[in-house]
Protein backbone atom coordinates (compact mmCIF):
# COMPACT_ATOMS: atom_id res chain seq x y z
CA MET A 1 -60.98 134.42 197.18
CA THR A 2 -61.13 132.00 194.25
CA ALA A 3 -57.72 131.08 192.86
CA ARG A 4 -56.99 131.94 189.25
CA PRO A 5 -56.57 128.76 187.20
CA THR A 6 -53.07 128.19 185.88
CA VAL A 7 -52.91 127.93 182.09
CA VAL A 8 -49.96 127.06 179.89
CA VAL A 9 -49.94 128.26 176.28
CA LEU A 10 -47.77 125.65 174.60
CA ASP A 11 -44.87 127.16 172.67
CA TYR A 12 -43.92 124.65 169.98
CA GLY A 13 -42.93 127.25 167.40
CA SER A 14 -46.37 128.18 166.05
CA GLY A 15 -49.26 130.38 167.01
CA ASN A 16 -50.21 133.83 168.26
CA LEU A 17 -48.65 133.14 171.62
CA ARG A 18 -48.58 136.61 173.15
CA SER A 19 -52.05 137.61 172.01
CA ALA A 20 -53.37 134.35 173.45
CA GLU A 21 -51.46 135.00 176.67
CA ARG A 22 -52.93 138.49 177.04
CA ALA A 23 -56.47 137.38 176.23
CA LEU A 24 -56.36 134.51 178.74
CA ALA A 25 -54.91 136.76 181.44
CA ARG A 26 -57.72 139.29 180.89
CA ALA A 27 -60.20 136.43 181.08
CA GLY A 28 -58.93 135.48 184.54
CA ALA A 29 -56.10 132.96 184.12
CA ASP A 30 -52.59 132.85 185.52
CA VAL A 31 -50.83 132.31 182.17
CA THR A 32 -47.41 131.00 181.20
CA VAL A 33 -46.12 130.69 177.62
CA THR A 34 -43.56 127.89 177.55
CA PRO A 35 -42.29 124.82 175.69
CA ASP A 36 -41.75 123.08 179.04
CA LEU A 37 -43.66 119.80 178.94
CA ALA A 38 -43.67 119.35 182.72
CA ALA A 39 -45.43 122.70 183.05
CA ALA A 40 -47.81 121.74 180.25
CA ALA A 41 -48.65 118.51 182.05
CA SER A 42 -49.24 120.06 185.47
CA ALA A 43 -51.15 123.25 184.61
CA ASP A 44 -54.88 123.45 185.28
CA GLY A 45 -55.47 124.16 181.60
CA LEU A 46 -53.39 123.72 178.45
CA VAL A 47 -53.86 125.81 175.31
CA VAL A 48 -52.54 124.44 172.01
CA PRO A 49 -52.36 127.32 169.50
CA GLY A 50 -51.48 127.07 165.83
CA VAL A 51 -51.26 129.09 162.63
CA GLY A 52 -50.10 128.21 159.13
CA ALA A 53 -49.87 124.74 157.64
CA TYR A 54 -51.13 121.59 159.33
CA ALA A 55 -47.93 119.66 158.50
CA ALA A 56 -45.69 122.39 159.91
CA CYS A 57 -47.66 122.54 163.16
CA MET A 58 -47.56 118.77 163.58
CA ALA A 59 -43.81 118.84 162.92
CA GLY A 60 -43.41 121.37 165.72
CA VAL A 61 -45.51 119.31 168.13
CA ASP A 62 -43.58 116.15 167.23
CA ALA A 63 -40.19 117.85 167.57
CA LEU A 64 -41.12 119.00 171.07
CA GLY A 65 -42.55 115.61 171.97
CA ALA A 66 -45.77 117.26 173.09
CA GLY A 67 -48.25 114.80 171.58
CA PRO A 68 -48.15 112.27 174.43
CA VAL A 69 -48.50 115.05 177.02
CA ILE A 70 -51.61 116.44 175.31
CA ALA A 71 -53.08 112.95 174.97
CA ALA A 72 -52.31 112.08 178.60
CA ARG A 73 -54.09 115.20 179.84
CA VAL A 74 -57.22 114.32 177.89
CA ALA A 75 -57.08 110.70 179.07
CA VAL A 76 -57.22 111.75 182.74
CA GLY A 77 -59.79 114.52 182.23
CA ARG A 78 -57.47 117.55 182.31
CA ALA A 79 -58.55 120.55 180.24
CA VAL A 80 -57.07 121.21 176.79
CA LEU A 81 -58.12 123.99 174.40
CA GLY A 82 -56.99 123.95 170.77
CA ILE A 83 -57.09 127.15 168.70
CA CYS A 84 -57.17 127.36 164.88
CA VAL A 85 -54.59 124.86 163.54
CA GLY A 86 -54.21 123.82 167.18
CA MET A 87 -57.77 122.53 166.82
CA GLN A 88 -57.07 120.88 163.48
CA ILE A 89 -54.11 118.79 164.68
CA LEU A 90 -56.32 117.19 167.35
CA PHE A 91 -57.97 115.21 164.54
CA GLU A 92 -56.67 112.05 162.90
CA TYR A 93 -55.22 113.68 159.80
CA GLY A 94 -54.95 116.82 157.73
CA ASP A 95 -55.14 116.84 153.93
CA GLU A 96 -53.49 119.97 152.53
CA HIS A 97 -52.43 120.38 148.89
CA GLY A 98 -52.61 116.61 148.45
CA LEU A 99 -50.30 116.03 151.42
CA VAL A 100 -51.89 113.89 154.13
CA THR A 101 -50.32 114.41 157.57
CA LYS A 102 -51.08 112.29 160.60
CA GLY A 103 -52.56 114.25 163.50
CA LEU A 104 -52.86 113.53 167.21
CA GLY A 105 -55.98 111.41 166.73
CA LEU A 106 -57.79 112.70 169.82
CA LEU A 107 -60.84 113.47 167.68
CA PRO A 108 -62.17 111.27 164.87
CA GLY A 109 -61.98 112.29 161.23
CA GLY A 110 -59.82 114.71 159.32
CA VAL A 111 -59.25 118.26 158.15
CA ILE A 112 -59.92 119.16 154.51
CA ARG A 113 -60.09 122.22 152.27
CA LEU A 114 -63.24 124.32 152.54
CA GLU A 115 -65.58 124.16 149.56
CA ALA A 116 -65.95 127.88 149.00
CA ASP A 117 -65.43 130.29 146.11
CA ARG A 118 -63.46 132.67 148.30
CA LEU A 119 -60.50 131.43 150.33
CA PRO A 120 -59.14 131.95 152.84
CA HIS A 121 -62.23 132.39 154.98
CA MET A 122 -61.02 135.56 156.67
CA GLY A 123 -63.03 137.88 158.86
CA TRP A 124 -66.02 137.80 161.18
CA ASN A 125 -68.70 135.14 161.11
CA THR A 126 -71.39 133.74 163.37
CA VAL A 127 -71.42 130.31 164.98
CA ILE A 128 -74.34 127.93 165.45
CA ALA A 129 -73.59 126.61 168.93
CA SER A 130 -74.20 122.98 169.82
CA GLU A 131 -77.04 122.36 172.25
CA GLY A 132 -75.89 122.84 175.84
CA SER A 133 -72.48 124.17 174.82
CA SER A 134 -70.29 125.33 177.70
CA LEU A 135 -68.03 127.44 175.45
CA PHE A 136 -70.90 129.50 174.04
CA ALA A 137 -72.96 129.81 177.23
CA GLY A 138 -74.60 133.22 177.44
CA LEU A 139 -73.63 134.22 173.89
CA VAL A 140 -76.41 135.06 171.45
CA GLU A 141 -76.68 133.53 167.96
CA THR A 142 -75.65 136.77 166.26
CA THR A 143 -72.30 136.89 168.09
CA ARG A 144 -69.41 137.00 165.64
CA PHE A 145 -65.93 135.51 165.92
CA TYR A 146 -62.78 136.08 163.88
CA PHE A 147 -61.69 133.39 161.41
CA VAL A 148 -58.58 133.04 159.22
CA HIS A 149 -58.34 129.65 157.48
CA SER A 150 -58.82 127.66 154.29
CA TYR A 151 -59.18 124.22 155.90
CA ALA A 152 -61.50 122.86 158.57
CA ALA A 153 -62.54 119.66 160.28
CA ARG A 154 -64.85 117.43 158.29
CA LEU A 155 -68.37 117.08 159.64
CA GLY A 156 -69.97 113.66 159.72
CA GLU A 157 -71.05 110.56 161.54
CA ALA A 158 -67.66 109.91 163.14
CA LEU A 159 -67.94 112.97 165.36
CA ASP A 160 -71.55 112.21 166.21
CA ALA A 161 -70.74 108.60 167.09
CA ALA A 162 -67.92 109.74 169.37
CA GLY A 163 -70.27 112.01 171.29
CA VAL A 164 -68.45 115.18 170.25
CA ALA A 165 -70.52 118.36 170.50
CA VAL A 166 -69.92 120.29 167.30
CA SER A 167 -70.69 123.96 166.76
CA THR A 168 -70.78 125.01 163.12
CA THR A 169 -70.23 127.96 160.82
CA VAL A 170 -71.08 128.31 157.12
CA HIS A 171 -68.61 129.51 154.50
CA GLY A 172 -69.38 127.88 151.18
CA GLY A 173 -70.80 125.05 153.25
CA PRO A 174 -71.00 124.14 156.94
CA PHE A 175 -67.84 123.23 158.84
CA ALA A 176 -66.81 122.57 162.43
CA ALA A 177 -66.20 125.93 164.09
CA ALA A 178 -65.74 124.48 167.58
CA VAL A 179 -65.83 121.12 169.31
CA GLU A 180 -66.34 120.01 172.91
CA ALA A 181 -65.61 116.48 174.11
CA GLY A 182 -65.20 116.18 177.88
CA PRO A 183 -61.94 117.89 178.87
CA LEU A 184 -61.09 118.60 175.22
CA ALA A 185 -62.35 121.77 173.56
CA ALA A 186 -61.24 123.60 170.44
CA THR A 187 -62.14 126.50 168.18
CA GLN A 188 -61.36 127.02 164.51
CA PHE A 189 -61.69 130.78 165.04
CA HIS A 190 -59.35 132.90 167.13
CA PRO A 191 -60.98 133.82 170.46
CA GLU A 192 -57.94 135.95 171.29
CA LYS A 193 -58.73 138.11 168.22
CA SER A 194 -62.49 138.12 168.68
CA GLY A 195 -62.89 141.03 171.08
CA ASP A 196 -65.58 140.81 173.76
CA ALA A 197 -67.06 137.65 172.22
CA GLY A 198 -63.74 135.84 172.42
CA ALA A 199 -63.19 137.07 175.97
CA SER A 200 -66.58 135.68 177.00
CA LEU A 201 -65.78 132.33 175.42
CA LEU A 202 -62.40 132.14 177.17
CA ARG A 203 -64.04 132.99 180.50
CA ASN A 204 -66.55 130.22 179.88
CA TRP A 205 -63.70 127.79 179.22
CA LEU A 206 -61.85 128.84 182.36
CA ARG A 207 -64.99 128.26 184.45
CA THR A 208 -64.96 124.60 183.40
CA ILE A 209 -61.42 124.07 184.71
CA PRO A 210 -60.93 122.82 188.28
CA THR A 211 -57.88 124.43 189.86
CA HIS A 212 -55.12 122.41 191.50
CA ARG A 213 -56.54 123.27 194.94
CA GLU A 214 -60.04 122.17 193.92
CA ARG A 215 -58.70 118.88 192.55
CA ARG A 216 -56.88 118.26 195.85
CA ILE A 217 -60.08 118.84 197.82
CA VAL A 218 -62.02 116.44 195.61
CA SER A 219 -59.30 113.80 195.91
CA GLY A 220 -59.18 114.22 199.70
CA GLU A 221 -55.61 115.48 199.83
CA SER A 222 -54.63 117.86 202.59
């Protein structure tokens, strides 16, 4: 019997923690919601949620001291999934209401206000998946996901040069709806609020995560 991957949903004072916990459990994970950094470091997968303002989310991450743990996981190839503002803070900066806040810098570029007549961008929208995307495997182009946001990651050459696979959505103009870069993945939409589509995406993410037992076998540990 295949072991369920262990996933920590990082509790740093922001995010739909319990809805994320339930969605991940239904998708096949053994989930813990905790601010414990040792647990966040050792889990098979780490989810960084986030709602509200970029600056407030970064303040929560900094207060917990979670930034180095997230960065260390990515550096050694351990899975991290950012959701909504949890995706945004993975970038170098966020520019909200003229306030520029330094992010974690794990992805190049910044987060800016959407150029759209109607904000926030709230409701269901489709995603143009990047070629060969693992997150969107098996999902058709008409699949819709649930968004609630007024800011998004800037598209451009920096992401392309870094080899980041970017999936896009259009609201006013195109923006980064999801990114995949090795062990690091993130969605601007809320998979935990996206019904069957979100469940499929979370299952796809979980399939990419080697469990602790699998990592031991690969490393030759007994």
